[in-house]
Amino acid sequence: MDAKGVERERLEGYLPRPEFRAELELGLARTAFMAKHWDEAEKRYTEIAERYPDAKCAPEAVYWRGVCHYKAAQDHTALGQAAEELQQKYPDSLWAVKAAVWLH
């Protein structure tokens, strides 16, 4: 939940500790994103992608990191870079499919 009590992320069921931690941090990043705190959200998504590269939510963090950079800097190249990274590191992920439209 964010500071206003709005649910921003939901986890249901059991997750091993590393996956759970990554998902919790993803929720914090999502809260910053929804508040339009682009720099904070980008930093949080970057930390998730770097700390938990094997987590199931890592591709999502890479995707949203690119979106945050784009939103903050109006730099459309960040979207293409995110798509390329997803194709290289997580080619079978749903997030790579979603980002494919950003490829040149």
PDB file of N, CA and C in Angstrom:
ATOM      1  N   MET A   1       0.830  -1.180   0.000  1.00  0.00           N
ATOM      2  CA  MET A   1       0.000   0.000   0.000  1.00  0.00           C
ATOM      3  C   MET A   1       0.875   1.242   0.000  1.00  0.00           C
ATOM      4  N   ASP A   2       0.361   2.264  -0.647  1.00  0.00           N
ATOM      5  CA  ASP A   2       1.092   3.516  -0.636  1.00  0.00           C
ATOM      6  C   ASP A   2       0.690   4.322   0.606  1.00  0.00           C
ATOM      7  N   ALA A   3       1.202   5.527   0.709  1.00  0.00           N
ATOM      8  CA  ALA A   3       0.954   6.368   1.884  1.00  0.00           C
ATOM      9  C   ALA A   3      -0.524   6.711   2.051  1.00  0.00           C
ATOM     10  N   LYS A   4      -1.287   6.650   0.974  1.00  0.00           N
ATOM     11  CA  LYS A   4      -2.721   6.949   1.035  1.00  0.00           C
ATOM     12  C   LYS A   4      -3.576   5.704   1.246  1.00  0.00           C
ATOM     13  N   GLY A   5      -2.930   4.557   1.394  1.00  0.00           N
ATOM     14  CA  GLY A   5      -3.651   3.318   1.630  1.00  0.00           C
ATOM     15  C   GLY A   5      -4.140   2.625   0.376  1.00  0.00           C
ATOM     16  N   VAL A   6      -3.643   3.042  -0.788  1.00  0.00           N
ATOM     17  CA  VAL A   6      -4.039   2.427  -2.047  1.00  0.00           C
ATOM     18  C   VAL A   6      -3.129   1.226  -2.324  1.00  0.00           C
ATOM     19  N   GLU A   7      -3.742   0.096  -2.612  1.00  0.00           N
ATOM     20  CA  GLU A   7      -2.970  -1.103  -2.912  1.00  0.00           C
ATOM     21  C   GLU A   7      -2.255  -0.928  -4.248  1.00  0.00           C
ATOM     22  N   ARG A   8      -0.949  -1.166  -4.270  1.00  0.00           N
ATOM     23  CA  ARG A   8      -0.165  -1.016  -5.489  1.00  0.00           C
ATOM     24  C   ARG A   8       0.409  -2.328  -5.990  1.00  0.00           C
ATOM     25  N   GLU A   9       0.502  -3.308  -5.145  1.00  0.00           N
ATOM     26  CA  GLU A   9       1.057  -4.613  -5.512  1.00  0.00           C
ATOM     27  C   GLU A   9       0.430  -5.644  -4.584  1.00  0.00           C
ATOM     28  N   ARG A  10       0.219  -6.856  -5.102  1.00  0.00           N
ATOM     29  CA  ARG A  10      -0.372  -7.903  -4.266  1.00  0.00           C
ATOM     30  C   ARG A  10       0.430  -9.191  -4.451  1.00  0.00           C
ATOM     31  N   LEU A  11       0.729  -9.828  -3.337  1.00  0.00           N
ATOM     32  CA  LEU A  11       1.383 -11.139  -3.339  1.00  0.00           C
ATOM     33  C   LEU A  11       0.443 -12.135  -2.681  1.00  0.00           C
ATOM     34  N   GLU A  12       0.291 -13.257  -3.309  1.00  0.00           N
ATOM     35  CA  GLU A  12      -0.518 -14.313  -2.710  1.00  0.00           C
ATOM     36  C   GLU A  12       0.257 -15.613  -2.788  1.00  0.00           C
ATOM     37  N   GLY A  13       0.202 -16.383  -1.733  1.00  0.00           N
ATOM     38  CA  GLY A  13       0.900 -17.657  -1.702  1.00  0.00           C
ATOM     39  C   GLY A  13       2.321 -17.525  -1.180  1.00  0.00           C
ATOM     40  N   TYR A  14       2.968 -18.657  -1.052  1.00  0.00           N
ATOM     41  CA  TYR A  14       4.324 -18.727  -0.511  1.00  0.00           C
ATOM     42  C   TYR A  14       5.365 -18.448  -1.581  1.00  0.00           C
ATOM     43  N   LEU A  15       6.396 -17.726  -1.195  1.00  0.00           N
ATOM     44  CA  LEU A  15       7.573 -17.533  -2.043  1.00  0.00           C
ATOM     45  C   LEU A  15       8.821 -17.777  -1.206  1.00  0.00           C
ATOM     46  N   PRO A  16       9.865 -18.359  -1.780  1.00  0.00           N
ATOM     47  CA  PRO A  16      11.133 -18.476  -1.064  1.00  0.00           C
ATOM     48  C   PRO A  16      11.649 -17.072  -0.721  1.00  0.00           C
ATOM     49  N   ARG A  17      12.474 -16.972   0.284  1.00  0.00           N
ATOM     50  CA  ARG A  17      12.934 -15.667   0.771  1.00  0.00           C
ATOM     51  C   ARG A  17      13.461 -14.720  -0.308  1.00  0.00           C
ATOM     52  N   PRO A  18      14.385 -15.151  -1.187  1.00  0.00           N
ATOM     53  CA  PRO A  18      14.893 -14.199  -2.185  1.00  0.00           C
ATOM     54  C   PRO A  18      13.790 -13.672  -3.111  1.00  0.00           C
ATOM     55  N   GLU A  19      12.882 -14.552  -3.515  1.00  0.00           N
ATOM     56  CA  GLU A  19      11.772 -14.128  -4.374  1.00  0.00           C
ATOM     57  C   GLU A  19      10.841 -13.179  -3.622  1.00  0.00           C
ATOM     58  N   PHE A  20      10.582 -13.497  -2.373  1.00  0.00           N
ATOM     59  CA  PHE A  20       9.702 -12.662  -1.555  1.00  0.00           C
ATOM     60  C   PHE A  20      10.299 -11.269  -1.375  1.00  0.00           C
ATOM     61  N   ARG A  21      11.591 -11.236  -1.069  1.00  0.00           N
ATOM     62  CA  ARG A  21      12.259  -9.942  -0.882  1.00  0.00           C
ATOM     63  C   ARG A  21      12.218  -9.114  -2.168  1.00  0.00           C
ATOM     64  N   ALA A  22      12.499  -9.750  -3.275  1.00  0.00           N
ATOM     65  CA  ALA A  22      12.472  -9.042  -4.561  1.00  0.00           C
ATOM     66  C   ALA A  22      11.071  -8.495  -4.836  1.00  0.00           C
ATOM     67  N   GLU A  23      10.052  -9.277  -4.550  1.00  0.00           N
ATOM     68  CA  GLU A  23       8.670  -8.837  -4.766  1.00  0.00           C
ATOM     69  C   GLU A  23       8.297  -7.685  -3.836  1.00  0.00           C
ATOM     70  N   LEU A  24       8.769  -7.730  -2.598  1.00  0.00           N
ATOM     71  CA  LEU A  24       8.512  -6.616  -1.680  1.00  0.00           C
ATOM     72  C   LEU A  24       9.141  -5.323  -2.206  1.00  0.00           C
ATOM     73  N   GLU A  25      10.358  -5.434  -2.676  1.00  0.00           N
ATOM     74  CA  GLU A  25      11.045  -4.262  -3.213  1.00  0.00           C
ATOM     75  C   GLU A  25      10.363  -3.775  -4.496  1.00  0.00           C
ATOM     76  N   LEU A  26       9.826  -4.698  -5.272  1.00  0.00           N
ATOM     77  CA  LEU A  26       9.068  -4.320  -6.465  1.00  0.00           C
ATOM     78  C   LEU A  26       7.842  -3.487  -6.074  1.00  0.00           C
ATOM     79  N   GLY A  27       7.211  -3.850  -4.981  1.00  0.00           N
ATOM     80  CA  GLY A  27       6.071  -3.074  -4.490  1.00  0.00           C
ATOM     81  C   GLY A  27       6.457  -1.655  -4.112  1.00  0.00           C
ATOM     82  N   LEU A  28       7.622  -1.494  -3.492  1.00  0.00           N
ATOM     83  CA  LEU A  28       8.105  -0.146  -3.150  1.00  0.00           C
ATOM     84  C   LEU A  28       8.406   0.662  -4.405  1.00  0.00           C
ATOM     85  N   ALA A  29       8.988   0.004  -5.392  1.00  0.00           N
ATOM     86  CA  ALA A  29       9.280   0.683  -6.657  1.00  0.00           C
ATOM     87  C   ALA A  29       7.979   1.101  -7.329  1.00  0.00           C
ATOM     88  N   ARG A  30       6.983   0.226  -7.309  1.00  0.00           N
ATOM     89  CA  ARG A  30       5.690   0.534  -7.927  1.00  0.00           C
ATOM     90  C   ARG A  30       5.013   1.715  -7.235  1.00  0.00           C
ATOM     91  N   THR A  31       5.131   1.769  -5.921  1.00  0.00           N
ATOM     92  CA  THR A  31       4.562   2.886  -5.171  1.00  0.00           C
ATOM     93  C   THR A  31       5.212   4.195  -5.595  1.00  0.00           C
ATOM     94  N   ALA A  32       6.531   4.203  -5.727  1.00  0.00           N
ATOM     95  CA  ALA A  32       7.238   5.412  -6.180  1.00  0.00           C
ATOM     96  C   ALA A  32       6.822   5.763  -7.606  1.00  0.00           C
ATOM     97  N   PHE A  33       6.674   4.754  -8.451  1.00  0.00           N
ATOM     98  CA  PHE A  33       6.265   4.987  -9.839  1.00  0.00           C
ATOM     99  C   PHE A  33       4.879   5.632  -9.891  1.00  0.00           C
ATOM    100  N   MET A  34       3.941   5.091  -9.158  1.00  0.00           N
ATOM    101  CA  MET A  34       2.581   5.610  -9.188  1.00  0.00           C
ATOM    102  C   MET A  34       2.494   7.025  -8.612  1.00  0.00           C
ATOM    103  N   ALA A  35       3.449   7.382  -7.761  1.00  0.00           N
ATOM    104  CA  ALA A  35       3.512   8.745  -7.217  1.00  0.00           C
ATOM    105  C   ALA A  35       4.280   9.683  -8.155  1.00  0.00           C
ATOM    106  N   LYS A  36       4.731   9.141  -9.292  1.00  0.00           N
ATOM    107  CA  LYS A  36       5.496   9.887 -10.296  1.00  0.00           C
ATOM    108  C   LYS A  36       6.834  10.387  -9.759  1.00  0.00           C
ATOM    109  N   HIS A  37       7.396   9.627  -8.844  1.00  0.00           N
ATOM    110  CA  HIS A  37       8.752   9.873  -8.346  1.00  0.00           C
ATOM    111  C   HIS A  37       9.695   9.034  -9.202  1.00  0.00           C
ATOM    112  N   TRP A  38       9.880   9.506 -10.447  1.00  0.00           N
ATOM    113  CA  TRP A  38      10.584   8.713 -11.458  1.00  0.00           C
ATOM    114  C   TRP A  38      11.987   8.319 -11.042  1.00  0.00           C
ATOM    115  N   ASP A  39      12.753   9.257 -10.466  1.00  0.00           N
ATOM    116  CA  ASP A  39      14.137   8.954 -10.090  1.00  0.00           C
ATOM    117  C   ASP A  39      14.189   7.881  -9.000  1.00  0.00           C
ATOM    118  N   GLU A  40      13.341   8.020  -7.999  1.00  0.00           N
ATOM    119  CA  GLU A  40      13.312   7.024  -6.924  1.00  0.00           C
ATOM    120  C   GLU A  40      12.875   5.660  -7.460  1.00  0.00           C
ATOM    121  N   ALA A  41      11.850   5.662  -8.284  1.00  0.00           N
ATOM    122  CA  ALA A  41      11.365   4.395  -8.842  1.00  0.00           C
ATOM    123  C   ALA A  41      12.437   3.741  -9.707  1.00  0.00           C
ATOM    124  N   GLU A  42      13.094   4.541 -10.546  1.00  0.00           N
ATOM    125  CA  GLU A  42      14.152   3.986 -11.398  1.00  0.00           C
ATOM    126  C   GLU A  42      15.264   3.384 -10.554  1.00  0.00           C
ATOM    127  N   LYS A  43      15.636   4.078  -9.497  1.00  0.00           N
ATOM    128  CA  LYS A  43      16.686   3.567  -8.598  1.00  0.00           C
ATOM    129  C   LYS A  43      16.251   2.234  -7.979  1.00  0.00           C
ATOM    130  N   ARG A  44      15.027   2.169  -7.527  1.00  0.00           N
ATOM    131  CA  ARG A  44      14.537   0.935  -6.903  1.00  0.00           C
ATOM    132  C   ARG A  44      14.462  -0.223  -7.910  1.00  0.00           C
ATOM    133  N   TYR A  45      13.978   0.060  -9.119  1.00  0.00           N
ATOM    134  CA  TYR A  45      13.923  -0.991 -10.138  1.00  0.00           C
ATOM    135  C   TYR A  45      15.333  -1.459 -10.508  1.00  0.00           C
ATOM    136  N   THR A  46      16.268  -0.533 -10.594  1.00  0.00           N
ATOM    137  CA  THR A  46      17.660  -0.889 -10.889  1.00  0.00           C
ATOM    138  C   THR A  46      18.218  -1.801  -9.808  1.00  0.00           C
ATOM    139  N   GLU A  47      17.962  -1.460  -8.552  1.00  0.00           N
ATOM    140  CA  GLU A  47      18.451  -2.283  -7.439  1.00  0.00           C
ATOM    141  C   GLU A  47      17.873  -3.692  -7.498  1.00  0.00           C
ATOM    142  N   ILE A  48      16.619  -3.818  -7.849  1.00  0.00           N
ATOM    143  CA  ILE A  48      15.998  -5.147  -7.955  1.00  0.00           C
ATOM    144  C   ILE A  48      16.673  -5.947  -9.069  1.00  0.00           C
ATOM    145  N   ALA A  49      16.831  -5.316 -10.232  1.00  0.00           N
ATOM    146  CA  ALA A  49      17.445  -6.014 -11.375  1.00  0.00           C
ATOM    147  C   ALA A  49      18.876  -6.449 -11.060  1.00  0.00           C
ATOM    148  N   GLU A  50      19.595  -5.645 -10.311  1.00  0.00           N
ATOM    149  CA  GLU A  50      20.990  -5.975  -9.995  1.00  0.00           C
ATOM    150  C   GLU A  50      21.114  -6.960  -8.839  1.00  0.00           C
ATOM    151  N   ARG A  51      20.302  -6.810  -7.796  1.00  0.00           N
ATOM    152  CA  ARG A  51      20.393  -7.689  -6.625  1.00  0.00           C
ATOM    153  C   ARG A  51      19.781  -9.060  -6.853  1.00  0.00           C
ATOM    154  N   TYR A  52      18.736  -9.105  -7.666  1.00  0.00           N
ATOM    155  CA  TYR A  52      17.979 -10.348  -7.851  1.00  0.00           C
ATOM    156  C   TYR A  52      17.828 -10.685  -9.343  1.00  0.00           C
ATOM    157  N   PRO A  53      18.925 -10.820 -10.060  1.00  0.00           N
ATOM    158  CA  PRO A  53      18.818 -11.044 -11.512  1.00  0.00           C
ATOM    159  C   PRO A  53      18.127 -12.356 -11.884  1.00  0.00           C
ATOM    160  N   ASP A  54      18.074 -13.298 -10.958  1.00  0.00           N
ATOM    161  CA  ASP A  54      17.434 -14.582 -11.242  1.00  0.00           C
ATOM    162  C   ASP A  54      16.010 -14.665 -10.712  1.00  0.00           C
ATOM    163  N   ALA A  55      15.542 -13.611 -10.076  1.00  0.00           N
ATOM    164  CA  ALA A  55      14.179 -13.603  -9.541  1.00  0.00           C
ATOM    165  C   ALA A  55      13.166 -13.540 -10.679  1.00  0.00           C
ATOM    166  N   LYS A  56      12.010 -14.083 -10.439  1.00  0.00           N
ATOM    167  CA  LYS A  56      10.956 -14.072 -11.453  1.00  0.00           C
ATOM    168  C   LYS A  56      10.517 -12.657 -11.820  1.00  0.00           C
ATOM    169  N   CYS A  57      10.687 -11.712 -10.894  1.00  0.00           N
ATOM    170  CA  CYS A  57      10.260 -10.334 -11.157  1.00  0.00           C
ATOM    171  C   CYS A  57      11.368  -9.464 -11.747  1.00  0.00           C
ATOM    172  N   ALA A  58      12.557 -10.008 -11.946  1.00  0.00           N
ATOM    173  CA  ALA A  58      13.666  -9.214 -12.493  1.00  0.00           C
ATOM    174  C   ALA A  58      13.344  -8.636 -13.872  1.00  0.00           C
ATOM    175  N   PRO A  59      12.749  -9.405 -14.789  1.00  0.00           N
ATOM    176  CA  PRO A  59      12.409  -8.808 -16.082  1.00  0.00           C
ATOM    177  C   PRO A  59      11.434  -7.637 -15.957  1.00  0.00           C
ATOM    178  N   GLU A  60      10.506  -7.743 -15.048  1.00  0.00           N
ATOM    179  CA  GLU A  60       9.561  -6.647 -14.824  1.00  0.00           C
ATOM    180  C   GLU A  60      10.295  -5.399 -14.340  1.00  0.00           C
ATOM    181  N   ALA A  61      11.275  -5.594 -13.467  1.00  0.00           N
ATOM    182  CA  ALA A  61      12.058  -4.461 -12.960  1.00  0.00           C
ATOM    183  C   ALA A  61      12.834  -3.784 -14.092  1.00  0.00           C
ATOM    184  N   VAL A  62      13.399  -4.564 -14.989  1.00  0.00           N
ATOM    185  CA  VAL A  62      14.132  -4.005 -16.135  1.00  0.00           C
ATOM    186  C   VAL A  62      13.179  -3.192 -17.015  1.00  0.00           C
ATOM    187  N   TYR A  63      12.003  -3.723 -17.273  1.00  0.00           N
ATOM    188  CA  TYR A  63      11.000  -3.045 -18.087  1.00  0.00           C
ATOM    189  C   TYR A  63      10.638  -1.685 -17.480  1.00  0.00           C
ATOM    190  N   TRP A  64      10.240  -1.700 -16.213  1.00  0.00           N
ATOM    191  CA  TRP A  64       9.789  -0.470 -15.575  1.00  0.00           C
ATOM    192  C   TRP A  64      10.921   0.511 -15.339  1.00  0.00           C
ATOM    193  N   ARG A  65      12.135   0.013 -15.168  1.00  0.00           N
ATOM    194  CA  ARG A  65      13.287   0.915 -15.065  1.00  0.00           C
ATOM    195  C   ARG A  65      13.407   1.746 -16.335  1.00  0.00           C
ATOM    196  N   GLY A  66      13.251   1.101 -17.481  1.00  0.00           N
ATOM    197  CA  GLY A  66      13.297   1.829 -18.748  1.00  0.00           C
ATOM    198  C   GLY A  66      12.195   2.860 -18.862  1.00  0.00           C
ATOM    199  N   VAL A  67      11.000   2.489 -18.427  1.00  0.00           N
ATOM    200  CA  VAL A  67       9.873   3.426 -18.472  1.00  0.00           C
ATOM    201  C   VAL A  67      10.131   4.623 -17.562  1.00  0.00           C
ATOM    202  N   CYS A  68      10.672   4.369 -16.380  1.00  0.00           N
ATOM    203  CA  CYS A  68      10.975   5.460 -15.450  1.00  0.00           C
ATOM    204  C   CYS A  68      11.986   6.426 -16.049  1.00  0.00           C
ATOM    205  N   HIS A  69      13.029   5.888 -16.659  1.00  0.00           N
ATOM    206  CA  HIS A  69      14.045   6.747 -17.263  1.00  0.00           C
ATOM    207  C   HIS A  69      13.423   7.591 -18.375  1.00  0.00           C
ATOM    208  N   TYR A  70      12.590   6.968 -19.175  1.00  0.00           N
ATOM    209  CA  TYR A  70      11.898   7.691 -20.239  1.00  0.00           C
ATOM    210  C   TYR A  70      11.029   8.806 -19.655  1.00  0.00           C
ATOM    211  N   LYS A  71      10.257   8.490 -18.633  1.00  0.00           N
ATOM    212  CA  LYS A  71       9.363   9.479 -18.027  1.00  0.00           C
ATOM    213  C   LYS A  71      10.141  10.650 -17.434  1.00  0.00           C
ATOM    214  N   ALA A  72      11.274  10.359 -16.778  1.00  0.00           N
ATOM    215  CA  ALA A  72      12.054  11.412 -16.120  1.00  0.00           C
ATOM    216  C   ALA A  72      12.786  12.291 -17.118  1.00  0.00           C
ATOM    217  N   ALA A  73      13.358  11.684 -18.136  1.00  0.00           N
ATOM    218  CA  ALA A  73      14.240  12.425 -19.054  1.00  0.00           C
ATOM    219  C   ALA A  73      13.627  12.652 -20.434  1.00  0.00           C
ATOM    220  N   GLN A  74      12.454  12.072 -20.680  1.00  0.00           N
ATOM    221  CA  GLN A  74      11.855  12.117 -22.018  1.00  0.00           C
ATOM    222  C   GLN A  74      12.859  11.619 -23.068  1.00  0.00           C
ATOM    223  N   ASP A  75      13.613  10.600 -22.665  1.00  0.00           N
ATOM    224  CA  ASP A  75      14.646   9.991 -23.504  1.00  0.00           C
ATOM    225  C   ASP A  75      14.127   8.649 -24.006  1.00  0.00           C
ATOM    226  N   HIS A  76      13.601   8.644 -25.227  1.00  0.00           N
ATOM    227  CA  HIS A  76      13.000   7.430 -25.771  1.00  0.00           C
ATOM    228  C   HIS A  76      14.003   6.300 -25.988  1.00  0.00           C
ATOM    229  N   THR A  77      15.292   6.607 -26.034  1.00  0.00           N
ATOM    230  CA  THR A  77      16.286   5.548 -26.230  1.00  0.00           C
ATOM    231  C   THR A  77      16.317   4.592 -25.043  1.00  0.00           C
ATOM    232  N   ALA A  78      15.883   5.054 -23.876  1.00  0.00           N
ATOM    233  CA  ALA A  78      15.854   4.186 -22.691  1.00  0.00           C
ATOM    234  C   ALA A  78      14.917   3.007 -22.905  1.00  0.00           C
ATOM    235  N   LEU A  79      13.861   3.216 -23.661  1.00  0.00           N
ATOM    236  CA  LEU A  79      12.913   2.130 -23.917  1.00  0.00           C
ATOM    237  C   LEU A  79      13.545   1.059 -24.798  1.00  0.00           C
ATOM    238  N   GLY A  80      14.250   1.482 -25.836  1.00  0.00           N
ATOM    239  CA  GLY A  80      14.948   0.534 -26.702  1.00  0.00           C
ATOM    240  C   GLY A  80      16.030  -0.226 -25.959  1.00  0.00           C
ATOM    241  N   GLN A  81      16.740   0.475 -25.075  1.00  0.00           N
ATOM    242  CA  GLN A  81      17.781  -0.187 -24.289  1.00  0.00           C
ATOM    243  C   GLN A  81      17.175  -1.231 -23.360  1.00  0.00           C
ATOM    244  N   ALA A  82      16.039  -0.896 -22.758  1.00  0.00           N
ATOM    245  CA  ALA A  82      15.369  -1.864 -21.885  1.00  0.00           C
ATOM    246  C   ALA A  82      14.926  -3.085 -22.697  1.00  0.00           C
ATOM    247  N   ALA A  83      14.382  -2.839 -23.872  1.00  0.00           N
ATOM    248  CA  ALA A  83      13.939  -3.947 -24.727  1.00  0.00           C
ATOM    249  C   ALA A  83      15.110  -4.835 -25.126  1.00  0.00           C
ATOM    250  N   GLU A  84      16.225  -4.234 -25.470  1.00  0.00           N
ATOM    251  CA  GLU A  84      17.415  -5.014 -25.835  1.00  0.00           C
ATOM    252  C   GLU A  84      17.914  -5.839 -24.660  1.00  0.00           C
ATOM    253  N   GLU A  85      17.951  -5.234 -23.475  1.00  0.00           N
ATOM    254  CA  GLU A  85      18.396  -5.967 -22.284  1.00  0.00           C
ATOM    255  C   GLU A  85      17.460  -7.138 -21.992  1.00  0.00           C
ATOM    256  N   LEU A  86      16.173  -6.906 -22.133  1.00  0.00           N
ATOM    257  CA  LEU A  86      15.213  -7.988 -21.912  1.00  0.00           C
ATOM    258  C   LEU A  86      15.391  -9.108 -22.925  1.00  0.00           C
ATOM    259  N   GLN A  87      15.643  -8.769 -24.189  1.00  0.00           N
ATOM    260  CA  GLN A  87      15.870  -9.785 -25.220  1.00  0.00           C
ATOM    261  C   GLN A  87      17.123 -10.604 -24.924  1.00  0.00           C
ATOM    262  N   GLN A  88      18.150  -9.941 -24.384  1.00  0.00           N
ATOM    263  CA  GLN A  88      19.413 -10.629 -24.095  1.00  0.00           C
ATOM    264  C   GLN A  88      19.319 -11.484 -22.837  1.00  0.00           C
ATOM    265  N   LYS A  89      18.786 -10.916 -21.753  1.00  0.00           N
ATOM    266  CA  LYS A  89      18.802 -11.605 -20.458  1.00  0.00           C
ATOM    267  C   LYS A  89      17.570 -12.460 -20.194  1.00  0.00           C
ATOM    268  N   TYR A  90      16.425 -12.015 -20.681  1.00  0.00           N
ATOM    269  CA  TYR A  90      15.165 -12.689 -20.368  1.00  0.00           C
ATOM    270  C   TYR A  90      14.302 -12.855 -21.618  1.00  0.00           C
ATOM    271  N   PRO A  91      14.823 -13.484 -22.654  1.00  0.00           N
ATOM    272  CA  PRO A  91      14.108 -13.543 -23.934  1.00  0.00           C
ATOM    273  C   PRO A  91      12.759 -14.265 -23.876  1.00  0.00           C
ATOM    274  N   ASP A  92      12.580 -15.150 -22.919  1.00  0.00           N
ATOM    275  CA  ASP A  92      11.332 -15.902 -22.823  1.00  0.00           C
ATOM    276  C   ASP A  92      10.313 -15.275 -21.878  1.00  0.00           C
ATOM    277  N   SER A  93      10.634 -14.093 -21.369  1.00  0.00           N
ATOM    278  CA  SER A  93       9.733 -13.460 -20.404  1.00  0.00           C
ATOM    279  C   SER A  93       8.619 -12.694 -21.102  1.00  0.00           C
ATOM    280  N   LEU A  94       7.522 -12.572 -20.425  1.00  0.00           N
ATOM    281  CA  LEU A  94       6.408 -11.765 -20.917  1.00  0.00           C
ATOM    282  C   LEU A  94       6.844 -10.313 -21.107  1.00  0.00           C
ATOM    283  N   TRP A  95       7.748  -9.845 -20.254  1.00  0.00           N
ATOM    284  CA  TRP A  95       8.210  -8.456 -20.309  1.00  0.00           C
ATOM    285  C   TRP A  95       9.048  -8.209 -21.555  1.00  0.00           C
ATOM    286  N   ALA A  96       9.763  -9.201 -22.030  1.00  0.00           N
ATOM    287  CA  ALA A  96      10.505  -9.065 -23.293  1.00  0.00           C
ATOM    288  C   ALA A  96       9.522  -8.933 -24.451  1.00  0.00           C
ATOM    289  N   VAL A  97       8.433  -9.668 -24.382  1.00  0.00           N
ATOM    290  CA  VAL A  97       7.407  -9.576 -25.420  1.00  0.00           C
ATOM    291  C   VAL A  97       6.777  -8.187 -25.405  1.00  0.00           C
ATOM    292  N   LYS A  98       6.433  -7.700 -24.228  1.00  0.00           N
ATOM    293  CA  LYS A  98       5.811  -6.374 -24.114  1.00  0.00           C
ATOM    294  C   LYS A  98       6.732  -5.270 -24.622  1.00  0.00           C
ATOM    295  N   ALA A  99       8.030  -5.417 -24.368  1.00  0.00           N
ATOM    296  CA  ALA A  99       9.002  -4.382 -24.754  1.00  0.00           C
ATOM    297  C   ALA A  99       9.447  -4.493 -26.212  1.00  0.00           C
ATOM    298  N   ALA A 100       9.093  -5.565 -26.882  1.00  0.00           N
ATOM    299  CA  ALA A 100       9.540  -5.792 -28.253  1.00  0.00           C
ATOM    300  C   ALA A 100       9.151  -4.647 -29.190  1.00  0.00           C
ATOM    301  N   VAL A 101       8.070  -3.965 -28.906  1.00  0.00           N
ATOM    302  CA  VAL A 101       7.647  -2.838 -29.770  1.00  0.00           C
ATOM    303  C   VAL A 101       8.636  -1.685 -29.699  1.00  0.00           C
ATOM    304  N   TRP A 102       9.497  -1.679 -28.706  1.00  0.00           N
ATOM    305  CA  TRP A 102      10.493  -0.606 -28.553  1.00  0.00           C
ATOM    306  C   TRP A 102      11.772  -0.869 -29.323  1.00  0.00           C
ATOM    307  N   LEU A 103      11.915  -2.074 -29.847  1.00  0.00           N
ATOM    308  CA  LEU A 103      13.135  -2.408 -30.605  1.00  0.00           C
ATOM    309  C   LEU A 103      13.133  -1.663 -31.931  1.00  0.00           C
ATOM    310  N   HIS A 104      14.314  -1.341 -32.401  1.00  0.00           N
ATOM    311  CA  HIS A 104      14.436  -0.569 -33.656  1.00  0.00           C
ATOM    312  C   HIS A 104      14.181  -1.457 -34.850  1.00  0.00           C
TER     313      HIS A 104
END
